[in-house]
Amino acid sequence: MNIPKEQNSIPTTKVERAARFAFTGAKLGVNYVKHYTRKLIDPSVPREQLHEANAEDIYDVLSNLKGSALKVAQMLSLDRGFLPPAYAKKFALSQYSAPPLSGPLVVNTFLKSLGKTPAQLFDRFNIHASHAASIGQVHEAWKNGKKLAVKIQYPGVAHSVKSDLRIVKPIAIRIVGLQEADMDQYFEEVETKLLEETNYQLELQRSRELTAECSSLPGLIFPHYYPEYSSDKIITMDWLEGLHLPEFLDTQPSQEVRNRAGQALWDFYQFQIHHLRKVHADPHPGNFLFQPNGQVGIIDFGCVKEIPDDFYSHYFALTRPELLRDEAHRMEIFRQLGILHPTDTEKEIRFFSDLFQKLIDLTTLPFQREIFDFGDPDFFNEIYAYTDYVYSLPEVRHSKIVRGTRHSLYINRTYFGLYSLLGDLKAQVKTSWQHIDSLRSYLRPEHSTALIEDSK
C-alpha cells in the first residue's frame, strides 16, 4: 500500500489546531464562490465539482491534524446513505491511509512511553509506518523470530479530543446538512468513545478480553498481544497477514470465499451483541484483514460499545415481528428508545411511528430470512432512497427534538458498517434469529453461566 509523505510535526495546541480549521473554513468559502461563478458562466457545472474541491481541502487539514478530527472524517465515510459521494470517497482514505509520523517522532514516543528506543526493545523495527490512520499508525517489528505489529498513538491526540470536536462540529453539520440539535447527542457519544480510543491501556485490556471470548468462532483470526511491549501510547501484537477489503476484492475471490468471509463477520458481530452485550463498534474496512480462503483477521478493538440490558431488550424487540403485534407494546418500545417524545402530539406520534417503522422494516429484513443475499442492490438502494426521503421531510429537518437515545448511535453505526462490508462482499449469509441464537454455543463456560444468572 502506498503511504503518503511523512509528517515531521503535528499541531498540538488549541490555537494551532483552531487556526488550521479556520484556514480550511476560509478555503471552503472560496470554493463556494468559485463554484457559483462558474455556474453563472455555465449553468451545467455539476455541484459534484464543489463537493470534490471541499472534500479535498477538508481531508488535507483533517489528515494532518490526526486524532478526533480525522476520526470524524472516518466515521462520516461510512454514512454513504446521506454523505455526498465525493466526501465518502475521500474520507475513506482515513481508514488506513493518512500521512504517517516521521522517524524522530516515533522514537521520541517510545522514549517517553517505554523509556527505550525501538532498537533497544526489538530485534528489528521498521521506522517507516506500514499503515497510518486517525488515532495512530502501525510499524513492523521483529522479536525472537516473530513478526509483530506495533501501533503508536499520535502526539497530543488525547488532549485535543474535546477542543477538536467543538471546532469540527460546524463543518460536519455543513457537510451532512443536519440540524445542530441532531448532532449534539451524536458528538457527546463520539467524544466519550474517542476518549476511550485514546486510552491504549483500556484498548489492550479489551483486545485481550474480546479476543479470548471470540476465539472459538469459525473463520476468524486474532493476534496475540504483548503487554510487556505496550504502554499508554503503544500497543504491540502479532502481525496478521491479509488484505484490506478493496485489495481483497481486486483478487476476484469466488462466491464461496466471499460467503465464508461474510458469515465470519456476521457471526462475529451477532455473537458480541447478543451474547456478550459488548461489541467492536468500529466496522470500517481498515480494521479487517481478509485471507485468500475467506478467513478474516480482526486487528483493532479501540472502539467498544457496551450495551445496557434495558436498551438491548427494547432495541432488538424491533427485529422480532412477533413482539410488535401489540400496538400499545410497540408504542411503549418507541418511547423507551426515544423515537417518540413525551411532548409529541397525536399527529406527531402517528407520523414518527409510521416513519420509523418503515425504516425498521427495511433495515431488519436480514433477521427475517434464513439466508440473506447482501449482493442484492435493491436492498441497499431502497434503504438509501428511504433515508434520503426521511431527511428531506420538513418535519424531520426542522425538528428540534432528537429521535433516539445515545446508545442507539454506535449500534446503528455498527450495523450500517457491517451491512456495508457485507454489501461490498456481495455475501450470502445465514442471518436468521435461529442462527444467531445458536451462536450461544461458542460462549466460554464462565460467561454462559453469568448470562444465565443475569436472565433470572
Protein backbone atom coordinates (compact mmCIF):
# COMPACT_ATOMS: atom_id res chain seq x y z
CA MET A 1 0.00 0.00 0.00
CA ASN A 2 1.29 3.47 -0.84
CA ILE A 3 1.81 5.56 2.28
CA PRO A 4 1.66 9.37 1.89
CA LYS A 5 4.61 11.62 2.70
CA GLU A 6 5.64 11.54 6.37
CA GLN A 7 4.87 14.37 8.78
CA ASN A 8 7.60 15.87 10.95
CA SER A 9 5.18 17.50 13.37
CA ILE A 10 1.52 17.63 14.38
CA PRO A 11 -0.15 20.83 15.63
CA THR A 12 -0.99 20.05 19.27
CA THR A 13 -2.08 23.34 20.87
CA LYS A 14 -5.66 24.55 20.70
CA VAL A 15 -4.55 27.75 18.97
CA GLU A 16 -2.58 25.91 16.27
CA ARG A 17 -5.37 23.44 15.58
CA ALA A 18 -8.08 26.11 15.58
CA ALA A 19 -6.04 28.13 13.09
CA ARG A 20 -5.89 25.16 10.72
CA PHE A 21 -9.66 24.74 10.94
CA ALA A 22 -10.22 28.46 10.37
CA PHE A 23 -7.99 28.35 7.29
CA THR A 24 -10.00 25.38 5.98
CA GLY A 25 -13.27 27.22 6.56
CA ALA A 26 -11.94 30.14 4.52
CA LYS A 27 -10.94 27.78 1.68
CA LEU A 28 -14.46 26.29 1.66
CA GLY A 29 -15.84 29.80 1.26
CA VAL A 30 -13.53 30.41 -1.70
CA ASN A 31 -14.63 27.10 -3.23
CA TYR A 32 -18.29 28.14 -3.00
CA VAL A 33 -17.52 31.48 -4.68
CA LYS A 34 -15.58 29.75 -7.47
CA HIS A 35 -18.36 27.21 -7.98
CA TYR A 36 -21.16 29.74 -8.28
CA THR A 37 -19.03 32.00 -10.51
CA ARG A 38 -18.51 29.07 -12.88
CA LYS A 39 -22.19 28.27 -12.69
CA LEU A 40 -23.10 31.80 -13.80
CA ILE A 41 -20.96 31.26 -16.90
CA ASP A 42 -22.01 27.63 -17.43
CA PRO A 43 -25.25 26.56 -15.66
CA SER A 44 -24.47 22.91 -16.40
CA VAL A 45 -21.49 22.85 -13.98
CA PRO A 46 -22.35 19.99 -11.54
CA ARG A 47 -22.42 20.53 -7.79
CA GLU A 48 -20.25 17.42 -7.50
CA GLN A 49 -17.26 19.57 -8.54
CA LEU A 50 -17.86 21.72 -5.45
CA HIS A 51 -18.09 18.62 -3.26
CA GLU A 52 -14.81 17.30 -4.68
CA ALA A 53 -12.97 20.57 -4.03
CA ASN A 54 -14.34 20.83 -0.49
CA ALA A 55 -13.62 17.16 0.25
CA GLU A 56 -10.01 17.58 -0.89
CA ASP A 57 -9.44 20.67 1.29
CA ILE A 58 -11.20 19.25 4.36
CA TYR A 59 -9.39 15.93 4.14
CA ASP A 60 -6.00 17.60 3.75
CA VAL A 61 -6.35 19.51 7.03
CA LEU A 62 -8.01 16.66 8.94
CA SER A 63 -5.40 14.11 7.88
CA ASN A 64 -2.57 16.36 9.07
CA LEU A 65 -4.28 17.16 12.37
CA LYS A 66 -4.91 13.46 13.08
CA GLY A 67 -6.88 12.37 16.14
CA SER A 68 -10.55 13.16 16.64
CA ALA A 69 -10.64 15.49 13.64
CA LEU A 70 -9.64 12.68 11.28
CA LYS A 71 -11.79 10.17 13.15
CA VAL A 72 -14.90 12.21 12.37
CA ALA A 73 -13.99 12.02 8.67
CA GLN A 74 -13.50 8.28 9.03
CA MET A 75 -16.91 7.85 10.64
CA LEU A 76 -18.65 10.08 8.12
CA SER A 77 -17.18 7.98 5.29
CA LEU A 78 -19.36 5.08 6.46
CA ASP A 79 -22.55 7.13 6.08
CA ARG A 80 -22.90 6.63 2.37
CA GLY A 81 -26.67 6.99 2.68
CA PHE A 82 -26.55 10.76 3.06
CA LEU A 83 -22.91 11.84 2.64
CA PRO A 84 -22.13 13.20 -0.88
CA PRO A 85 -20.06 10.58 -2.78
CA ALA A 86 -17.04 12.89 -3.14
CA TYR A 87 -16.74 13.20 0.65
CA ALA A 88 -17.32 9.49 1.25
CA LYS A 89 -14.62 8.53 -1.27
CA LYS A 90 -12.02 10.99 0.06
CA PHE A 91 -12.77 10.44 3.76
CA ALA A 92 -12.49 6.67 3.27
CA LEU A 93 -8.72 7.20 2.92
CA SER A 94 -8.65 7.98 6.64
CA GLN A 95 -9.46 4.34 7.35
CA TYR A 96 -5.93 3.19 6.64
CA SER A 97 -4.03 5.72 4.53
CA ALA A 98 -3.34 9.01 6.33
CA PRO A 99 0.08 10.76 6.34
CA PRO A 100 2.30 8.99 8.93
CA LEU A 101 4.66 10.47 11.51
CA SER A 102 8.37 10.74 10.76
CA GLY A 103 11.02 8.54 12.41
CA PRO A 104 12.22 11.04 15.06
CA LEU A 105 8.66 11.50 16.37
CA VAL A 106 8.22 7.73 16.56
CA VAL A 107 11.46 7.27 18.56
CA ASN A 108 10.51 10.13 20.86
CA THR A 109 7.17 8.46 21.60
CA PHE A 110 8.98 5.25 22.59
CA LEU A 111 11.39 7.08 24.87
CA LYS A 112 8.61 8.96 26.65
CA SER A 113 6.28 5.99 26.89
CA LEU A 114 8.51 2.94 27.46
CA GLY A 115 11.85 4.54 28.33
CA LYS A 116 13.66 2.78 25.48
CA THR A 117 14.09 3.22 21.75
CA PRO A 118 12.53 0.70 19.33
CA ALA A 119 16.03 -0.60 18.58
CA GLN A 120 16.53 -1.42 22.28
CA LEU A 121 13.19 -3.27 22.53
CA PHE A 122 13.04 -5.22 19.27
CA ASP A 123 15.48 -7.24 17.18
CA ARG A 124 14.36 -5.22 14.16
CA PHE A 125 11.99 -2.27 13.76
CA ASN A 126 10.84 -0.59 10.57
CA ILE A 127 10.94 3.13 11.36
CA HIS A 128 8.61 3.85 8.43
CA ALA A 129 4.90 3.18 9.09
CA SER A 130 3.11 0.44 7.18
CA HIS A 131 -0.33 1.93 7.82
CA ALA A 132 -1.45 5.28 9.22
CA ALA A 133 -4.99 6.22 10.25
CA SER A 134 -6.79 8.57 12.63
CA ILE A 135 -5.56 7.80 16.16
CA GLY A 136 -2.28 6.04 15.44
CA GLN A 137 -0.02 4.33 12.94
CA VAL A 138 1.37 0.79 12.64
CA HIS A 139 5.00 -0.31 12.26
CA GLU A 140 6.56 -3.70 11.54
CA ALA A 141 8.87 -5.15 14.19
CA TRP A 142 10.55 -8.50 14.84
CA LYS A 143 11.32 -10.21 18.15
CA ASN A 144 12.71 -13.72 18.62
CA GLY A 145 11.88 -14.58 15.01
CA LYS A 146 8.27 -13.41 15.25
CA LYS A 147 6.87 -10.57 13.17
CA LEU A 148 4.95 -8.01 15.23
CA ALA A 149 2.67 -5.03 14.59
CA VAL A 150 3.38 -2.02 16.79
CA LYS A 151 0.65 0.62 16.97
CA ILE A 152 1.82 4.07 18.06
CA GLN A 153 -0.55 6.85 19.10
CA TYR A 154 -0.06 10.29 17.61
CA PRO A 155 1.22 13.00 20.00
CA GLY A 156 -1.45 15.23 21.55
CA VAL A 157 -4.41 13.12 20.35
CA ALA A 158 -5.89 12.51 23.80
CA HIS A 159 -5.62 16.16 24.86
CA SER A 160 -7.21 17.55 21.70
CA VAL A 161 -10.43 15.48 21.59
CA LYS A 162 -12.77 17.97 23.26
CA SER A 163 -11.47 21.09 21.53
CA ASP A 164 -11.25 19.38 18.12
CA LEU A 165 -14.85 18.22 18.26
CA ARG A 166 -16.09 21.68 19.16
CA ILE A 167 -14.26 23.10 16.14
CA VAL A 168 -15.06 20.33 13.63
CA LYS A 169 -18.75 20.18 14.56
CA PRO A 170 -19.87 23.13 12.37
CA ILE A 171 -18.00 21.63 9.38
CA ALA A 172 -19.67 18.25 9.93
CA ILE A 173 -23.10 19.88 10.22
CA ARG A 174 -22.49 21.74 6.97
CA ILE A 175 -21.38 18.60 5.14
CA VAL A 176 -24.25 16.32 6.13
CA GLY A 177 -26.91 19.04 6.23
CA LEU A 178 -28.33 18.12 9.61
CA GLN A 179 -29.66 20.41 12.31
CA GLU A 180 -27.30 21.16 15.20
CA ALA A 181 -29.83 19.62 17.60
CA ASP A 182 -29.36 16.30 15.80
CA MET A 183 -25.59 16.50 16.17
CA ASP A 184 -25.31 17.41 19.88
CA GLN A 185 -26.10 13.94 21.17
CA TYR A 186 -24.06 12.38 18.38
CA PHE A 187 -20.98 14.40 19.30
CA GLU A 188 -21.39 13.72 23.02
CA GLU A 189 -21.33 9.99 22.36
CA VAL A 190 -18.48 10.35 19.85
CA GLU A 191 -16.45 12.30 22.42
CA THR A 192 -16.90 9.56 25.01
CA LYS A 193 -15.81 6.87 22.56
CA LEU A 194 -12.86 8.89 21.23
CA LEU A 195 -11.54 9.47 24.74
CA GLU A 196 -11.73 5.70 25.27
CA GLU A 197 -9.92 5.09 21.97
CA THR A 198 -7.00 7.26 23.10
CA ASN A 199 -6.67 5.10 26.22
CA TYR A 200 -4.36 2.37 24.88
CA GLN A 201 -4.24 0.59 28.23
CA LEU A 202 -8.04 0.19 28.06
CA GLU A 203 -7.76 -0.94 24.44
CA LEU A 204 -5.15 -3.55 25.35
CA GLN A 205 -7.40 -4.88 28.10
CA ARG A 206 -10.47 -5.02 25.83
CA SER A 207 -8.47 -6.52 22.97
CA ARG A 208 -7.27 -9.41 25.12
CA GLU A 209 -10.72 -9.98 26.66
CA LEU A 210 -12.72 -9.91 23.41
CA THR A 211 -10.09 -11.93 21.55
CA ALA A 212 -10.36 -14.66 24.19
CA GLU A 213 -14.17 -14.57 24.18
CA CYS A 214 -14.48 -14.71 20.37
CA SER A 215 -11.56 -17.04 19.65
CA SER A 216 -13.76 -20.13 19.13
CA LEU A 217 -15.89 -18.56 16.40
CA PRO A 218 -15.15 -20.10 12.99
CA GLY A 219 -13.49 -18.13 10.22
CA LEU A 220 -11.80 -15.53 12.42
CA ILE A 221 -8.14 -14.83 13.21
CA PHE A 222 -6.96 -12.72 16.15
CA PRO A 223 -3.45 -11.54 17.06
CA HIS A 224 -1.74 -12.26 20.37
CA TYR A 225 -0.99 -9.11 22.39
CA TYR A 226 2.23 -8.28 24.26
CA PRO A 227 1.71 -6.15 27.41
CA GLU A 228 5.48 -6.08 28.04
CA TYR A 229 5.94 -4.07 24.82
CA SER A 230 2.84 -1.92 25.28
CA SER A 231 2.02 1.25 27.20
CA ASP A 232 -0.42 4.14 27.33
CA LYS A 233 0.76 5.20 23.82
CA ILE A 234 1.91 1.90 22.27
CA ILE A 235 0.25 -1.47 21.63
CA THR A 236 2.26 -4.45 20.35
CA MET A 237 0.60 -7.52 18.83
CA ASP A 238 1.24 -10.28 16.30
CA TRP A 239 1.43 -9.18 12.69
CA LEU A 240 -1.54 -10.60 10.76
CA GLU A 241 -1.17 -11.17 7.04
CA GLY A 242 -4.05 -10.40 4.74
CA LEU A 243 -5.61 -7.76 2.52
CA HIS A 244 -7.89 -4.85 3.26
CA LEU A 245 -11.28 -5.19 1.64
CA PRO A 246 -10.67 -3.22 -1.61
CA GLU A 247 -7.45 -5.13 -2.35
CA PHE A 248 -9.13 -8.43 -1.39
CA LEU A 249 -11.98 -7.79 -3.84
CA ASP A 250 -9.42 -6.94 -6.54
CA THR A 251 -8.28 -10.59 -6.36
CA GLN A 252 -11.78 -11.59 -7.55
CA PRO A 253 -12.49 -14.13 -4.79
CA SER A 254 -15.09 -16.79 -5.53
CA GLN A 255 -18.64 -16.53 -4.24
CA GLU A 256 -17.85 -19.33 -1.78
CA VAL A 257 -14.90 -17.40 -0.34
CA ARG A 258 -16.92 -14.16 -0.13
CA ASN A 259 -19.74 -16.03 1.62
CA ARG A 260 -17.26 -17.51 4.11
CA ALA A 261 -15.83 -14.07 4.91
CA GLY A 262 -19.30 -12.56 5.17
CA GLN A 263 -20.50 -15.29 7.51
CA ALA A 264 -17.46 -14.85 9.73
CA LEU A 265 -18.17 -11.10 10.01
CA TRP A 266 -21.90 -11.58 10.64
CA ASP A 267 -21.25 -14.18 13.35
CA PHE A 268 -18.51 -12.06 14.93
CA TYR A 269 -20.86 -9.11 15.37
CA GLN A 270 -24.01 -11.02 16.35
CA PHE A 271 -22.10 -13.08 18.91
CA GLN A 272 -20.77 -9.96 20.61
CA ILE A 273 -24.02 -8.00 20.52
CA HIS A 274 -26.43 -10.76 21.51
CA HIS A 275 -24.30 -12.98 23.71
CA LEU A 276 -21.59 -10.71 25.16
CA ARG A 277 -23.57 -7.41 25.19
CA LYS A 278 -20.46 -5.51 24.12
CA VAL A 279 -19.24 -5.02 20.58
CA HIS A 280 -16.35 -3.93 18.39
CA ALA A 281 -18.15 -0.76 17.24
CA ASP A 282 -15.79 0.45 14.51
CA PRO A 283 -16.55 -1.76 11.48
CA HIS A 284 -14.69 0.18 8.80
CA PRO A 285 -12.60 -1.78 6.26
CA GLY A 286 -9.28 -0.71 7.77
CA ASN A 287 -9.90 -2.91 10.83
CA PHE A 288 -10.11 -6.21 8.92
CA LEU A 289 -7.61 -8.32 7.01
CA PHE A 290 -9.08 -10.82 4.53
CA GLN A 291 -7.34 -14.12 3.78
CA PRO A 292 -7.44 -15.96 0.39
CA ASN A 293 -9.56 -18.73 1.98
CA GLY A 294 -12.16 -16.28 3.34
CA GLN A 295 -10.93 -16.11 6.92
CA VAL A 296 -10.96 -12.62 8.45
CA GLY A 297 -8.35 -11.11 10.78
CA ILE A 298 -9.60 -8.63 13.40
CA ILE A 299 -6.94 -6.08 14.33
CA ASP A 300 -8.48 -3.23 16.33
CA PHE A 301 -10.61 -3.15 19.48
CA GLY A 302 -10.12 0.53 20.22
CA CYS A 303 -13.83 1.35 19.96
CA VAL A 304 -16.03 -0.97 22.02
CA LYS A 305 -19.66 -0.23 22.86
CA GLU A 306 -21.08 -1.84 25.98
CA ILE A 307 -24.83 -2.39 25.60
CA PRO A 308 -27.12 -1.79 28.62
CA ASP A 309 -29.62 -4.62 29.16
CA ASP A 310 -32.73 -2.41 29.06
CA PHE A 311 -31.63 -0.76 25.81
CA TYR A 312 -30.80 -4.16 24.31
CA SER A 313 -34.22 -5.65 25.10
CA HIS A 314 -36.12 -2.70 23.61
CA TYR A 315 -33.87 -2.15 20.58
CA PHE A 316 -33.85 -5.76 19.39
CA ALA A 317 -37.54 -6.26 20.07
CA LEU A 318 -37.87 -4.20 16.87
CA THR A 319 -36.23 -7.02 14.89
CA ARG A 320 -38.73 -9.63 16.11
CA PRO A 321 -42.15 -9.04 14.46
CA GLU A 322 -43.91 -11.36 16.90
CA LEU A 323 -43.06 -8.96 19.74
CA LEU A 324 -44.61 -5.97 17.95
CA ARG A 325 -48.08 -7.31 17.21
CA ASP A 326 -49.47 -5.45 20.22
CA GLU A 327 -49.74 -1.79 19.14
CA ALA A 328 -49.53 -0.48 22.71
CA HIS A 329 -46.37 -2.52 23.30
CA ARG A 330 -44.82 -1.22 20.09
CA MET A 331 -45.53 2.39 21.07
CA GLU A 332 -44.04 1.81 24.52
CA ILE A 333 -40.84 0.46 22.93
CA PHE A 334 -40.69 3.53 20.68
CA ARG A 335 -40.97 5.75 23.76
CA GLN A 336 -38.28 3.84 25.64
CA LEU A 337 -35.94 4.19 22.66
CA GLY A 338 -36.62 7.92 22.32
CA ILE A 339 -38.25 7.54 18.89
CA LEU A 340 -41.34 9.10 20.41
CA HIS A 341 -41.06 12.07 22.76
CA PRO A 342 -43.31 12.92 25.77
CA THR A 343 -44.25 16.25 24.16
CA ASP A 344 -45.39 14.68 20.85
CA THR A 345 -48.94 15.39 19.73
CA GLU A 346 -51.17 12.57 18.50
CA LYS A 347 -50.39 13.64 14.93
CA GLU A 348 -46.62 13.55 15.63
CA ILE A 349 -46.89 10.17 17.32
CA ARG A 350 -48.56 8.67 14.25
CA PHE A 351 -46.18 10.43 11.83
CA PHE A 352 -42.92 9.41 13.54
CA SER A 353 -44.03 5.89 14.49
CA ASP A 354 -45.05 5.16 10.87
CA LEU A 355 -41.84 6.79 9.55
CA PHE A 356 -39.53 4.78 11.80
CA GLN A 357 -41.47 1.54 11.43
CA LYS A 358 -40.88 1.62 7.67
CA LEU A 359 -37.14 2.18 8.25
CA ILE A 360 -37.07 -0.64 10.80
CA ASP A 361 -38.85 -2.99 8.38
CA LEU A 362 -36.24 -2.24 5.71
CA THR A 363 -33.10 -2.48 7.86
CA THR A 364 -34.11 -5.59 9.83
CA LEU A 365 -35.01 -7.65 6.76
CA PRO A 366 -31.90 -9.88 7.12
CA PHE A 367 -33.13 -11.05 10.54
CA GLN A 368 -36.34 -12.35 8.92
CA ARG A 369 -34.55 -14.56 6.35
CA GLU A 370 -32.78 -17.88 6.75
CA ILE A 371 -30.14 -16.79 4.24
CA PHE A 372 -29.79 -13.18 3.10
CA ASP A 373 -28.13 -12.04 -0.12
CA PHE A 374 -26.23 -8.81 0.62
CA GLY A 375 -25.32 -8.67 -3.06
CA ASP A 376 -28.88 -7.64 -3.89
CA PRO A 377 -28.56 -3.95 -4.85
CA ASP A 378 -32.30 -3.39 -4.35
CA PHE A 379 -31.84 -3.87 -0.59
CA PHE A 380 -29.34 -1.01 -0.27
CA ASN A 381 -30.97 1.20 -2.90
CA GLU A 382 -34.27 1.05 -1.07
CA ILE A 383 -32.63 1.90 2.25
CA TYR A 384 -30.69 4.82 0.74
CA ALA A 385 -33.75 6.12 -1.10
CA TYR A 386 -35.89 5.96 2.03
CA THR A 387 -33.15 7.62 4.11
CA ASP A 388 -32.97 10.46 1.59
CA TYR A 389 -36.75 10.76 1.73
CA VAL A 390 -36.77 10.88 5.55
CA TYR A 391 -34.09 13.59 5.70
CA SER A 392 -35.96 15.63 3.08
CA LEU A 393 -39.15 15.84 5.14
CA PRO A 394 -39.70 19.26 6.78
CA GLU A 395 -40.97 17.56 9.94
CA VAL A 396 -37.58 15.84 10.27
CA ARG A 397 -35.26 18.60 9.01
CA HIS A 398 -36.78 21.27 11.25
CA SER A 399 -37.37 19.12 14.32
CA LYS A 400 -35.73 20.41 17.49
CA ILE A 401 -36.12 17.00 19.13
CA VAL A 402 -33.50 14.28 18.72
CA ARG A 403 -35.14 10.94 17.98
CA GLY A 404 -33.33 8.03 19.59
CA THR A 405 -31.05 7.54 22.59
CA ARG A 406 -27.28 7.94 22.65
CA HIS A 407 -26.91 4.16 22.90
CA SER A 408 -28.51 3.70 19.50
CA LEU A 409 -25.88 5.85 17.78
CA TYR A 410 -23.00 3.36 17.85
CA ILE A 411 -25.25 0.31 17.49
CA ASN A 412 -26.83 1.85 14.38
CA ARG A 413 -23.38 2.70 13.03
CA THR A 414 -22.12 -0.80 13.79
CA TYR A 415 -24.92 -2.38 11.78
CA PHE A 416 -24.57 0.14 8.97
CA GLY A 417 -20.84 -0.57 8.77
CA LEU A 418 -21.44 -4.34 8.89
CA TYR A 419 -24.09 -4.14 6.17
CA SER A 420 -21.70 -2.05 4.03
CA LEU A 421 -18.93 -4.65 4.41
CA LEU A 422 -21.31 -7.48 3.51
CA GLY A 423 -22.70 -5.48 0.61
CA ASP A 424 -19.20 -4.88 -0.78
CA LEU A 425 -18.51 -8.61 -0.41
CA LYS A 426 -21.86 -9.43 -2.06
CA ALA A 427 -22.01 -12.21 0.53
CA GLN A 428 -24.85 -14.69 1.02
CA VAL A 429 -25.09 -15.21 4.77
CA LYS A 430 -27.10 -17.20 7.32
CA THR A 431 -28.75 -14.32 9.22
CA SER A 432 -31.85 -15.67 10.95
CA TRP A 433 -32.58 -15.34 14.65
CA GLN A 434 -32.34 -19.12 14.91
CA HIS A 435 -28.77 -18.96 13.65
CA ILE A 436 -27.91 -16.00 15.91
CA ASP A 437 -29.31 -17.86 18.93
CA SER A 438 -27.20 -20.91 18.03
CA LEU A 439 -24.02 -18.84 18.42
CA ARG A 440 -24.54 -19.05 22.19
CA SER A 441 -22.77 -22.42 21.99
CA TYR A 442 -19.47 -20.54 21.45
CA LEU A 443 -19.67 -18.82 24.84
CA ARG A 444 -16.98 -19.72 27.31
CA PRO A 445 -18.50 -21.69 30.25
CA GLU A 446 -17.99 -18.93 32.81
CA HIS A 447 -19.61 -16.31 30.54
CA SER A 448 -22.53 -18.57 29.67
CA THR A 449 -23.24 -19.13 33.38
CA ALA A 450 -23.12 -15.38 34.05
CA LEU A 451 -25.65 -14.67 31.30
CA ILE A 452 -28.00 -17.34 32.63
CA GLU A 453 -27.79 -15.79 36.10
CA ASP A 454 -28.45 -12.30 34.67
CA SER A 455 -31.58 -13.50 32.88
CA LYS A 456 -33.17 -14.93 36.03
